[in-house]
Full PDB file with SEQRES, HELIX, SHEET, SSBOND, CRYST1, ORIGX, SCALE, CONECT and MASTER records, all heavy atoms in Angstrom:
SEQRES   1 A   39  PHE ASP SER TYR THR ILE PRO GLU ASP ASP LEU GLU LEU          
SEQRES   2 A   39  GLY GLN SER ARG LEU LEU GLU VAL ASP ASN ARG VAL VAL          
SEQRES   3 A   39  VAL PRO THR LYS THR HIS LEU ARG ILE ILE VAL THR PRO          
HELIX    1 AA1 GLU A    8  ASP A   10  5                                   3    
CRYST1    1.000    1.000    1.000  90.00  90.00  90.00 P 1           1          
ORIGX1      1.000000  0.000000  0.000000        0.00000                         
ORIGX2      0.000000  1.000000  0.000000        0.00000                         
ORIGX3      0.000000  0.000000  1.000000        0.00000                         
SCALE1      1.000000  0.000000  0.000000        0.00000                         
SCALE2      0.000000  1.000000  0.000000        0.00000                         
SCALE3      0.000000  0.000000  1.000000        0.00000                         
ATOM      1  N   PHE A   1       0.853  -1.192   0.000  1.00  0.00           N  
ATOM      2  CA  PHE A   1       0.000   0.000   0.000  1.00  0.00           C  
ATOM      3  C   PHE A   1       0.887   1.239   0.000  1.00  0.00           C  
ATOM      4  O   PHE A   1       2.060   1.191   0.381  1.00  0.00           O  
ATOM      5  CB  PHE A   1      -0.933   0.022   1.217  1.00  0.00           C  
ATOM      6  CG  PHE A   1      -0.214   0.057   2.539  1.00  0.00           C  
ATOM      7  CD1 PHE A   1       0.066   1.259   3.164  1.00  0.00           C  
ATOM      8  CD2 PHE A   1       0.179  -1.117   3.156  1.00  0.00           C  
ATOM      9  CE1 PHE A   1       0.720   1.303   4.382  1.00  0.00           C  
ATOM     10  CE2 PHE A   1       0.836  -1.089   4.370  1.00  0.00           C  
ATOM     11  CZ  PHE A   1       1.112   0.118   4.989  1.00  0.00           C  
ATOM     12  N   ASP A   2       0.321   2.341  -0.444  1.00  0.00           N  
ATOM     13  CA  ASP A   2       1.013   3.636  -0.478  1.00  0.00           C  
ATOM     14  C   ASP A   2       0.607   4.473   0.721  1.00  0.00           C  
ATOM     15  O   ASP A   2      -0.509   4.355   1.240  1.00  0.00           O  
ATOM     16  CB  ASP A   2       0.698   4.379  -1.775  1.00  0.00           C  
ATOM     17  CG  ASP A   2       1.202   3.643  -3.002  1.00  0.00           C  
ATOM     18  OD1 ASP A   2       2.230   2.952  -2.889  1.00  0.00           O  
ATOM     19  OD2 ASP A   2       0.550   3.751  -4.064  1.00  0.00           O  
ATOM     20  N   SER A   3       1.498   5.344   1.134  1.00  0.00           N  
ATOM     21  CA  SER A   3       1.261   6.215   2.279  1.00  0.00           C  
ATOM     22  C   SER A   3       1.552   7.658   1.866  1.00  0.00           C  
ATOM     23  O   SER A   3       2.704   8.027   1.658  1.00  0.00           O  
ATOM     24  CB  SER A   3       2.146   5.798   3.462  1.00  0.00           C  
ATOM     25  OG  SER A   3       1.921   6.628   4.571  1.00  0.00           O  
ATOM     26  N   TYR A   4       0.480   8.449   1.737  1.00  0.00           N  
ATOM     27  CA  TYR A   4       0.596   9.844   1.318  1.00  0.00           C  
ATOM     28  C   TYR A   4       0.312  10.763   2.512  1.00  0.00           C  
ATOM     29  O   TYR A   4      -0.469  10.419   3.403  1.00  0.00           O  
ATOM     30  CB  TYR A   4      -0.403  10.169   0.203  1.00  0.00           C  
ATOM     31  CG  TYR A   4      -0.080   9.538  -1.127  1.00  0.00           C  
ATOM     32  CD1 TYR A   4      -0.551   8.261  -1.435  1.00  0.00           C  
ATOM     33  CD2 TYR A   4       0.668  10.217  -2.083  1.00  0.00           C  
ATOM     34  CE1 TYR A   4      -0.278   7.671  -2.665  1.00  0.00           C  
ATOM     35  CE2 TYR A   4       0.946   9.638  -3.313  1.00  0.00           C  
ATOM     36  CZ  TYR A   4       0.483   8.374  -3.595  1.00  0.00           C  
ATOM     37  OH  TYR A   4       0.761   7.797  -4.803  1.00  0.00           O  
ATOM     38  N   THR A   5       0.927  11.926   2.502  1.00  0.00           N  
ATOM     39  CA  THR A   5       0.620  12.924   3.515  1.00  0.00           C  
ATOM     40  C   THR A   5      -0.794  13.450   3.322  1.00  0.00           C  
ATOM     41  O   THR A   5      -1.270  13.578   2.186  1.00  0.00           O  
ATOM     42  CB  THR A   5       1.625  14.082   3.463  1.00  0.00           C  
ATOM     43  OG1 THR A   5       1.295  15.041   4.471  1.00  0.00           O  
ATOM     44  CG2 THR A   5       1.601  14.773   2.116  1.00  0.00           C  
ATOM     45  N   ILE A   6      -1.479  13.738   4.417  1.00  0.00           N  
ATOM     46  CA  ILE A   6      -2.837  14.272   4.348  1.00  0.00           C  
ATOM     47  C   ILE A   6      -2.762  15.780   4.110  1.00  0.00           C  
ATOM     48  O   ILE A   6      -2.079  16.488   4.849  1.00  0.00           O  
ATOM     49  CB  ILE A   6      -3.606  13.976   5.650  1.00  0.00           C  
ATOM     50  CG1 ILE A   6      -3.751  12.458   5.847  1.00  0.00           C  
ATOM     51  CG2 ILE A   6      -4.975  14.636   5.633  1.00  0.00           C  
ATOM     52  CD1 ILE A   6      -4.494  12.074   7.100  1.00  0.00           C  
ATOM     53  N   PRO A   7      -3.423  16.287   3.080  1.00  0.00           N  
ATOM     54  CA  PRO A   7      -3.400  17.740   2.824  1.00  0.00           C  
ATOM     55  C   PRO A   7      -3.919  18.516   4.029  1.00  0.00           C  
ATOM     56  O   PRO A   7      -4.720  18.019   4.824  1.00  0.00           O  
ATOM     57  CB  PRO A   7      -4.311  17.905   1.599  1.00  0.00           C  
ATOM     58  CG  PRO A   7      -4.326  16.562   0.953  1.00  0.00           C  
ATOM     59  CD  PRO A   7      -4.195  15.562   2.058  1.00  0.00           C  
ATOM     60  N   GLU A   8      -3.454  19.737   4.139  1.00  0.00           N  
ATOM     61  CA  GLU A   8      -3.817  20.562   5.289  1.00  0.00           C  
ATOM     62  C   GLU A   8      -5.319  20.794   5.374  1.00  0.00           C  
ATOM     63  O   GLU A   8      -5.885  20.861   6.477  1.00  0.00           O  
ATOM     64  CB  GLU A   8      -3.072  21.896   5.207  1.00  0.00           C  
ATOM     65  CG  GLU A   8      -3.248  22.790   6.420  1.00  0.00           C  
ATOM     66  CD  GLU A   8      -2.377  24.034   6.350  1.00  0.00           C  
ATOM     67  OE1 GLU A   8      -1.597  24.154   5.380  1.00  0.00           O  
ATOM     68  OE2 GLU A   8      -2.496  24.883   7.254  1.00  0.00           O  
ATOM     69  N   ASP A   9      -5.991  20.896   4.247  1.00  0.00           N  
ATOM     70  CA  ASP A   9      -7.430  21.147   4.249  1.00  0.00           C  
ATOM     71  C   ASP A   9      -8.230  19.939   4.728  1.00  0.00           C  
ATOM     72  O   ASP A   9      -9.392  20.080   5.121  1.00  0.00           O  
ATOM     73  CB  ASP A   9      -7.896  21.551   2.847  1.00  0.00           C  
ATOM     74  CG  ASP A   9      -7.270  22.859   2.389  1.00  0.00           C  
ATOM     75  OD1 ASP A   9      -6.864  23.655   3.272  1.00  0.00           O  
ATOM     76  OD2 ASP A   9      -7.175  23.074   1.173  1.00  0.00           O  
ATOM     77  N   ASP A  10      -7.625  18.742   4.698  1.00  0.00           N  
ATOM     78  CA  ASP A  10      -8.341  17.516   5.070  1.00  0.00           C  
ATOM     79  C   ASP A  10      -8.007  17.049   6.480  1.00  0.00           C  
ATOM     80  O   ASP A  10      -8.488  15.989   6.901  1.00  0.00           O  
ATOM     81  CB  ASP A  10      -8.019  16.397   4.076  1.00  0.00           C  
ATOM     82  CG  ASP A  10      -8.475  16.736   2.665  1.00  0.00           C  
ATOM     83  OD1 ASP A  10      -9.415  17.543   2.535  1.00  0.00           O  
ATOM     84  OD2 ASP A  10      -7.886  16.196   1.704  1.00  0.00           O  
ATOM     85  N   LEU A  11      -7.189  17.782   7.197  1.00  0.00           N  
ATOM     86  CA  LEU A  11      -6.801  17.364   8.540  1.00  0.00           C  
ATOM     87  C   LEU A  11      -7.981  17.441   9.500  1.00  0.00           C  
ATOM     88  O   LEU A  11      -8.800  18.361   9.433  1.00  0.00           O  
ATOM     89  CB  LEU A  11      -5.657  18.243   9.064  1.00  0.00           C  
ATOM     90  CG  LEU A  11      -4.293  18.065   8.406  1.00  0.00           C  
ATOM     91  CD1 LEU A  11      -3.314  19.098   8.956  1.00  0.00           C  
ATOM     92  CD2 LEU A  11      -3.754  16.654   8.633  1.00  0.00           C  
ATOM     93  N   GLU A  12      -8.058  16.477  10.409  1.00  0.00           N  
ATOM     94  CA  GLU A  12      -9.061  16.482  11.455  1.00  0.00           C  
ATOM     95  C   GLU A  12      -8.478  17.074  12.731  1.00  0.00           C  
ATOM     96  O   GLU A  12      -7.260  17.256  12.854  1.00  0.00           O  
ATOM     97  CB  GLU A  12      -9.562  15.055  11.705  1.00  0.00           C  
ATOM     98  CG  GLU A  12     -10.231  14.418  10.493  1.00  0.00           C  
ATOM     99  CD  GLU A  12     -10.699  13.002  10.782  1.00  0.00           C  
ATOM    100  OE1 GLU A  12     -10.462  12.530  11.921  1.00  0.00           O  
ATOM    101  OE2 GLU A  12     -11.278  12.380   9.874  1.00  0.00           O  
ATOM    102  N   LEU A  13      -9.346  17.355  13.678  1.00  0.00           N  
ATOM    103  CA  LEU A  13      -8.917  17.952  14.930  1.00  0.00           C  
ATOM    104  C   LEU A  13      -7.953  17.016  15.664  1.00  0.00           C  
ATOM    105  O   LEU A  13      -8.247  15.842  15.876  1.00  0.00           O  
ATOM    106  CB  LEU A  13     -10.133  18.255  15.821  1.00  0.00           C  
ATOM    107  CG  LEU A  13      -9.833  18.988  17.135  1.00  0.00           C  
ATOM    108  CD1 LEU A  13      -9.275  20.380  16.859  1.00  0.00           C  
ATOM    109  CD2 LEU A  13     -11.098  19.072  17.990  1.00  0.00           C  
ATOM    110  N   GLY A  14      -6.795  17.546  16.032  1.00  0.00           N  
ATOM    111  CA  GLY A  14      -5.788  16.760  16.732  1.00  0.00           C  
ATOM    112  C   GLY A  14      -4.702  16.204  15.839  1.00  0.00           C  
ATOM    113  O   GLY A  14      -3.673  15.737  16.344  1.00  0.00           O  
ATOM    114  N   GLN A  15      -4.883  16.215  14.510  1.00  0.00           N  
ATOM    115  CA  GLN A  15      -3.864  15.712  13.600  1.00  0.00           C  
ATOM    116  C   GLN A  15      -2.824  16.787  13.323  1.00  0.00           C  
ATOM    117  O   GLN A  15      -3.143  17.973  13.253  1.00  0.00           O  
ATOM    118  CB  GLN A  15      -4.495  15.245  12.287  1.00  0.00           C  
ATOM    119  CG  GLN A  15      -5.357  14.015  12.443  1.00  0.00           C  
ATOM    120  CD  GLN A  15      -5.920  13.538  11.120  1.00  0.00           C  
ATOM    121  OE1 GLN A  15      -6.094  14.315  10.173  1.00  0.00           O  
ATOM    122  NE2 GLN A  15      -6.219  12.254  11.032  1.00  0.00           N  
ATOM    123  N   SER A  16      -1.594  16.361  13.169  1.00  0.00           N  
ATOM    124  CA  SER A  16      -0.475  17.281  12.997  1.00  0.00           C  
ATOM    125  C   SER A  16      -0.259  17.598  11.524  1.00  0.00           C  
ATOM    126  O   SER A  16      -0.277  16.694  10.678  1.00  0.00           O  
ATOM    127  CB  SER A  16       0.804  16.683  13.601  1.00  0.00           C  
ATOM    128  OG  SER A  16       0.636  16.431  14.977  1.00  0.00           O  
ATOM    129  N   ARG A  17      -0.018  18.861  11.247  1.00  0.00           N  
ATOM    130  CA  ARG A  17       0.233  19.308   9.878  1.00  0.00           C  
ATOM    131  C   ARG A  17       1.574  18.772   9.387  1.00  0.00           C  
ATOM    132  O   ARG A  17       2.585  18.802  10.098  1.00  0.00           O  
ATOM    133  CB  ARG A  17       0.226  20.836   9.824  1.00  0.00           C  
ATOM    134  CG  ARG A  17       0.580  21.431   8.475  1.00  0.00           C  
ATOM    135  CD  ARG A  17       0.506  22.934   8.510  1.00  0.00           C  
ATOM    136  NE  ARG A  17       0.949  23.536   7.276  1.00  0.00           N  
ATOM    137  CZ  ARG A  17       2.211  23.902   7.045  1.00  0.00           C  
ATOM    138  NH1 ARG A  17       3.123  23.740   7.984  1.00  0.00           N  
ATOM    139  NH2 ARG A  17       2.553  24.443   5.887  1.00  0.00           N  
ATOM    140  N   LEU A  18       1.579  18.241   8.165  1.00  0.00           N  
ATOM    141  CA  LEU A  18       2.765  17.699   7.499  1.00  0.00           C  
ATOM    142  C   LEU A  18       3.335  16.459   8.196  1.00  0.00           C  
ATOM    143  O   LEU A  18       4.445  16.033   7.890  1.00  0.00           O  
ATOM    144  CB  LEU A  18       3.882  18.752   7.377  1.00  0.00           C  
ATOM    145  CG  LEU A  18       3.555  20.007   6.567  1.00  0.00           C  
ATOM    146  CD1 LEU A  18       4.778  20.910   6.480  1.00  0.00           C  
ATOM    147  CD2 LEU A  18       3.068  19.644   5.177  1.00  0.00           C  
ATOM    148  N   LEU A  19       2.598  15.880   9.147  1.00  0.00           N  
ATOM    149  CA  LEU A  19       3.070  14.679   9.828  1.00  0.00           C  
ATOM    150  C   LEU A  19       2.099  13.512   9.691  1.00  0.00           C  
ATOM    151  O   LEU A  19       2.510  12.361   9.884  1.00  0.00           O  
ATOM    152  CB  LEU A  19       3.307  14.959  11.325  1.00  0.00           C  
ATOM    153  CG  LEU A  19       4.528  15.785  11.693  1.00  0.00           C  
ATOM    154  CD1 LEU A  19       4.594  15.988  13.200  1.00  0.00           C  
ATOM    155  CD2 LEU A  19       5.813  15.128  11.206  1.00  0.00           C  
ATOM    156  N   GLU A  20       0.857  13.783   9.378  1.00  0.00           N  
ATOM    157  CA  GLU A  20      -0.148  12.722   9.327  1.00  0.00           C  
ATOM    158  C   GLU A  20      -0.253  12.163   7.912  1.00  0.00           C  
ATOM    159  O   GLU A  20      -0.095  12.897   6.926  1.00  0.00           O  
ATOM    160  CB  GLU A  20      -1.496  13.265   9.780  1.00  0.00           C  
ATOM    161  CG  GLU A  20      -2.512  12.169  10.073  1.00  0.00           C  
ATOM    162  CD  GLU A  20      -2.029  11.203  11.140  1.00  0.00           C  
ATOM    163  OE1 GLU A  20      -1.896  11.610  12.300  1.00  0.00           O  
ATOM    164  OE2 GLU A  20      -1.769  10.027  10.778  1.00  0.00           O  
ATOM    165  N   VAL A  21      -0.494  10.846   7.821  1.00  0.00           N  
ATOM    166  CA  VAL A  21      -0.618  10.178   6.528  1.00  0.00           C  
ATOM    167  C   VAL A  21      -1.956   9.453   6.462  1.00  0.00           C  
ATOM    168  O   VAL A  21      -2.620   9.228   7.474  1.00  0.00           O  
ATOM    169  CB  VAL A  21       0.533   9.175   6.310  1.00  0.00           C  
ATOM    170  CG1 VAL A  21       1.871   9.892   6.264  1.00  0.00           C  
ATOM    171  CG2 VAL A  21       0.537   8.111   7.397  1.00  0.00           C  
ATOM    172  N   ASP A  22      -2.339   9.060   5.234  1.00  0.00           N  
ATOM    173  CA  ASP A  22      -3.604   8.356   5.069  1.00  0.00           C  
ATOM    174  C   ASP A  22      -3.504   6.889   5.465  1.00  0.00           C  
ATOM    175  O   ASP A  22      -4.470   6.302   5.955  1.00  0.00           O  
ATOM    176  CB  ASP A  22      -4.095   8.493   3.626  1.00  0.00           C  
ATOM    177  CG  ASP A  22      -3.042   8.060   2.610  1.00  0.00           C  
ATOM    178  OD1 ASP A  22      -1.906   7.704   3.019  1.00  0.00           O  
ATOM    179  OD2 ASP A  22      -3.357   8.084   1.407  1.00  0.00           O  
ATOM    180  N   ASN A  23      -2.349   6.270   5.255  1.00  0.00           N  
ATOM    181  CA  ASN A  23      -2.147   4.865   5.619  1.00  0.00           C  
ATOM    182  C   ASN A  23      -0.896   4.741   6.480  1.00  0.00           C  
ATOM    183  O   ASN A  23       0.216   5.025   6.016  1.00  0.00           O  
ATOM    184  CB  ASN A  23      -1.997   3.992   4.365  1.00  0.00           C  
ATOM    185  CG  ASN A  23      -3.266   3.954   3.547  1.00  0.00           C  
ATOM    186  OD1 ASN A  23      -4.364   3.897   4.093  1.00  0.00           O  
ATOM    187  ND2 ASN A  23      -3.114   3.997   2.231  1.00  0.00           N  
ATOM    188  N   ARG A  24      -1.075   4.348   7.717  1.00  0.00           N  
ATOM    189  CA  ARG A  24       0.056   4.210   8.636  1.00  0.00           C  
ATOM    190  C   ARG A  24       0.697   2.832   8.529  1.00  0.00           C  
ATOM    191  O   ARG A  24       0.046   1.870   8.111  1.00  0.00           O  
ATOM    192  CB  ARG A  24      -0.405   4.443  10.078  1.00  0.00           C  
ATOM    193  CG  ARG A  24      -0.943   5.842  10.356  1.00  0.00           C  
ATOM    194  CD  ARG A  24      -1.539   5.921  11.747  1.00  0.00           C  
ATOM    195  NE  ARG A  24      -1.946   7.279  12.097  1.00  0.00           N  
ATOM    196  CZ  ARG A  24      -2.564   7.601  13.221  1.00  0.00           C  
ATOM    197  NH1 ARG A  24      -2.859   6.660  14.109  1.00  0.00           N  
ATOM    198  NH2 ARG A  24      -2.897   8.858  13.469  1.00  0.00           N  
ATOM    199  N   VAL A  25       1.956   2.763   8.934  1.00  0.00           N  
ATOM    200  CA  VAL A  25       2.643   1.481   9.047  1.00  0.00           C  
ATOM    201  C   VAL A  25       2.215   0.845  10.359  1.00  0.00           C  
ATOM    202  O   VAL A  25       2.428   1.414  11.433  1.00  0.00           O  
ATOM    203  CB  VAL A  25       4.172   1.652   9.005  1.00  0.00           C  
ATOM    204  CG1 VAL A  25       4.849   0.297   9.041  1.00  0.00           C  
ATOM    205  CG2 VAL A  25       4.587   2.424   7.770  1.00  0.00           C  
ATOM    206  N   VAL A  26       1.624  -0.322  10.298  1.00  0.00           N  
ATOM    207  CA  VAL A  26       1.118  -1.015  11.482  1.00  0.00           C  
ATOM    208  C   VAL A  26       2.090  -2.113  11.856  1.00  0.00           C  
ATOM    209  O   VAL A  26       2.440  -2.963  11.028  1.00  0.00           O  
ATOM    210  CB  VAL A  26      -0.285  -1.593  11.215  1.00  0.00           C  
ATOM    211  CG1 VAL A  26      -0.805  -2.314  12.451  1.00  0.00           C  
ATOM    212  CG2 VAL A  26      -1.241  -0.484  10.802  1.00  0.00           C  
ATOM    213  N   VAL A  27       2.534  -2.106  13.120  1.00  0.00           N  
ATOM    214  CA  VAL A  27       3.500  -3.096  13.599  1.00  0.00           C  
ATOM    215  C   VAL A  27       3.050  -3.619  14.957  1.00  0.00           C  
ATOM    216  O   VAL A  27       2.343  -2.929  15.696  1.00  0.00           O  
ATOM    217  CB  VAL A  27       4.923  -2.502  13.714  1.00  0.00           C  
ATOM    218  CG1 VAL A  27       5.419  -2.029  12.357  1.00  0.00           C  
ATOM    219  CG2 VAL A  27       4.963  -1.371  14.728  1.00  0.00           C  
ATOM    220  N   PRO A  28       3.450  -4.838  15.320  1.00  0.00           N  
ATOM    221  CA  PRO A  28       3.144  -5.362  16.654  1.00  0.00           C  
ATOM    222  C   PRO A  28       4.210  -4.937  17.655  1.00  0.00           C  
ATOM    223  O   PRO A  28       5.360  -4.672  17.294  1.00  0.00           O  
ATOM    224  CB  PRO A  28       3.156  -6.878  16.446  1.00  0.00           C  
ATOM    225  CG  PRO A  28       4.131  -7.077  15.321  1.00  0.00           C  
ATOM    226  CD  PRO A  28       4.012  -5.865  14.436  1.00  0.00           C  
ATOM    227  N   THR A  29       3.841  -4.871  18.908  1.00  0.00           N  
ATOM    228  CA  THR A  29       4.790  -4.509  19.964  1.00  0.00           C  
ATOM    229  C   THR A  29       5.544  -5.743  20.447  1.00  0.00           C  
ATOM    230  O   THR A  29       5.068  -6.880  20.305  1.00  0.00           O  
ATOM    231  CB  THR A  29       4.065  -3.870  21.156  1.00  0.00           C  
ATOM    232  OG1 THR A  29       3.093  -4.798  21.669  1.00  0.00           O  
ATOM    233  CG2 THR A  29       3.363  -2.598  20.734  1.00  0.00           C  
ATOM    234  N   LYS A  30       6.721  -5.490  21.002  1.00  0.00           N  
ATOM    235  CA  LYS A  30       7.562  -6.534  21.602  1.00  0.00           C  
ATOM    236  C   LYS A  30       7.789  -7.690  20.640  1.00  0.00           C  
ATOM    237  O   LYS A  30       7.684  -8.859  20.991  1.00  0.00           O  
ATOM    238  CB  LYS A  30       6.949  -7.023  22.917  1.00  0.00           C  
ATOM    239  CG  LYS A  30       6.832  -5.918  23.967  1.00  0.00           C  
ATOM    240  CD  LYS A  30       6.253  -6.424  25.261  1.00  0.00           C  
ATOM    241  CE  LYS A  30       6.173  -5.276  26.284  1.00  0.00           C  
ATOM    242  NZ  LYS A  30       5.600  -5.706  27.570  1.00  0.00           N  
ATOM    243  N   THR A  31       8.101  -7.318  19.406  1.00  0.00           N  
ATOM    244  CA  THR A  31       8.363  -8.292  18.339  1.00  0.00           C  
ATOM    245  C   THR A  31       9.572  -7.824  17.551  1.00  0.00           C  
ATOM    246  O   THR A  31       9.716  -6.633  17.265  1.00  0.00           O  
ATOM    247  CB  THR A  31       7.147  -8.411  17.396  1.00  0.00           C  
ATOM    248  OG1 THR A  31       5.986  -8.751  18.163  1.00  0.00           O  
ATOM    249  CG2 THR A  31       7.386  -9.476  16.339  1.00  0.00           C  
ATOM    250  N   HIS A  32      10.440  -8.749  17.198  1.00  0.00           N  
ATOM    251  CA  HIS A  32      11.621  -8.411  16.404  1.00  0.00           C  
ATOM    252  C   HIS A  32      11.199  -8.127  14.964  1.00  0.00           C  
ATOM    253  O   HIS A  32      10.671  -9.002  14.275  1.00  0.00           O  
ATOM    254  CB  HIS A  32      12.651  -9.538  16.439  1.00  0.00           C  
ATOM    255  CG  HIS A  32      13.341  -9.667  17.762  1.00  0.00           C  
ATOM    256  ND1 HIS A  32      14.188  -8.694  18.248  1.00  0.00           N  
ATOM    257  CD2 HIS A  32      13.300 -10.640  18.703  1.00  0.00           C  
ATOM    258  CE1 HIS A  32      14.657  -9.060  19.421  1.00  0.00           C  
ATOM    259  NE2 HIS A  32      14.135 -10.227  19.732  1.00  0.00           N  
ATOM    260  N   LEU A  33      11.440  -6.894  14.530  1.00  0.00           N  
ATOM    261  CA  LEU A  33      11.052  -6.462  13.195  1.00  0.00           C  
ATOM    262  C   LEU A  33      12.291  -6.149  12.371  1.00  0.00           C  
ATOM    263  O   LEU A  33      13.272  -5.608  12.883  1.00  0.00           O  
ATOM    264  CB  LEU A  33      10.166  -5.208  13.271  1.00  0.00           C  
ATOM    265  CG  LEU A  33       8.955  -5.266  14.193  1.00  0.00           C  
ATOM    266  CD1 LEU A  33       8.268  -3.911  14.243  1.00  0.00           C  
ATOM    267  CD2 LEU A  33       7.979  -6.338  13.744  1.00  0.00           C  
ATOM    268  N   ARG A  34      12.216  -6.471  11.101  1.00  0.00           N  
ATOM    269  CA  ARG A  34      13.262  -6.090  10.154  1.00  0.00           C  
ATOM    270  C   ARG A  34      12.654  -5.142   9.131  1.00  0.00           C  
ATOM    271  O   ARG A  34      11.681  -5.482   8.472  1.00  0.00           O  
ATOM    272  CB  ARG A  34      13.864  -7.309   9.458  1.00  0.00           C  
ATOM    273  CG  ARG A  34      14.896  -6.930   8.385  1.00  0.00           C  
ATOM    274  CD  ARG A  34      15.557  -8.163   7.813  1.00  0.00           C  
ATOM    275  NE  ARG A  34      14.581  -9.063   7.202  1.00  0.00           N  
ATOM    276  CZ  ARG A  34      14.888 -10.271   6.728  1.00  0.00           C  
ATOM    277  NH1 ARG A  34      16.116 -10.714   6.820  1.00  0.00           N  
ATOM    278  NH2 ARG A  34      13.939 -11.034   6.192  1.00  0.00           N  
ATOM    279  N   ILE A  35      13.246  -3.957   9.015  1.00  0.00           N  
ATOM    280  CA  ILE A  35      12.772  -2.959   8.060  1.00  0.00           C  
ATOM    281  C   ILE A  35      13.812  -2.818   6.959  1.00  0.00           C  
ATOM    282  O   ILE A  35      14.977  -2.510   7.236  1.00  0.00           O  
ATOM    283  CB  ILE A  35      12.521  -1.607   8.747  1.00  0.00           C  
ATOM    284  CG1 ILE A  35      11.459  -1.762   9.839  1.00  0.00           C  
ATOM    285  CG2 ILE A  35      12.066  -0.573   7.723  1.00  0.00           C  
ATOM    286  CD1 ILE A  35      11.184  -0.490  10.604  1.00  0.00           C  
ATOM    287  N   ILE A  36      13.389  -3.061   5.734  1.00  0.00           N  
ATOM    288  CA  ILE A  36      14.253  -2.933   4.560  1.00  0.00           C  
ATOM    289  C   ILE A  36      13.809  -1.704   3.779  1.00  0.00           C  
ATOM    290  O   ILE A  36      12.615  -1.535   3.507  1.00  0.00           O  
ATOM    291  CB  ILE A  36      14.186  -4.191   3.679  1.00  0.00           C  
ATOM    292  CG1 ILE A  36      14.614  -5.424   4.477  1.00  0.00           C  
ATOM    293  CG2 ILE A  36      15.049  -4.035   2.437  1.00  0.00           C  
ATOM    294  CD1 ILE A  36      14.470  -6.721   3.709  1.00  0.00           C  
ATOM    295  N   VAL A  37      14.745  -0.857   3.440  1.00  0.00           N  
ATOM    296  CA  VAL A  37      14.408   0.382   2.735  1.00  0.00           C  
ATOM    297  C   VAL A  37      15.184   0.471   1.437  1.00  0.00           C  
ATOM    298  O   VAL A  37      16.329   0.010   1.329  1.00  0.00           O  
ATOM    299  CB  VAL A  37      14.701   1.626   3.610  1.00  0.00           C  
ATOM    300  CG1 VAL A  37      13.810   1.649   4.830  1.00  0.00           C  
ATOM    301  CG2 VAL A  37      16.150   1.667   4.025  1.00  0.00           C  
ATOM    302  N   THR A  38      14.546   1.072   0.445  1.00  0.00           N  
ATOM    303  CA  THR A  38      15.178   1.330  -0.848  1.00  0.00           C  
ATOM    304  C   THR A  38      14.372   2.414  -1.557  1.00  0.00           C  
ATOM    305  O   THR A  38      13.167   2.534  -1.317  1.00  0.00           O  
ATOM    306  CB  THR A  38      15.234   0.045  -1.713  1.00  0.00           C  
ATOM    307  OG1 THR A  38      16.017   0.290  -2.888  1.00  0.00           O  
ATOM    308  CG2 THR A  38      13.847  -0.392  -2.123  1.00  0.00           C  
ATOM    309  N   PRO A  39      14.994   3.219  -2.410  1.00  0.00           N  
ATOM    310  CA  PRO A  39      14.233   4.250  -3.138  1.00  0.00           C  
ATOM    311  C   PRO A  39      13.830   3.777  -4.526  1.00  0.00           C  
ATOM    312  O   PRO A  39      14.427   2.859  -5.086  1.00  0.00           O  
ATOM    313  CB  PRO A  39      15.232   5.405  -3.204  1.00  0.00           C  
ATOM    314  CG  PRO A  39      16.556   4.715  -3.328  1.00  0.00           C  
ATOM    315  CD  PRO A  39      16.445   3.417  -2.558  1.00  0.00           C  
TER     316      PRO A  39                                                      
MASTER        0    0    0    1    0    0    0    6  315    1    0    3          
END                                                                             
């Protein structure tokens, strides 16, 4: 899935400008995770 920033006009109360996205990365707690990155 893609994760885009939410435009300022679409922000809801409590959401941070230029920090909130439409699809967040969901991870479990207390679990060994490997994150691979590439452009």
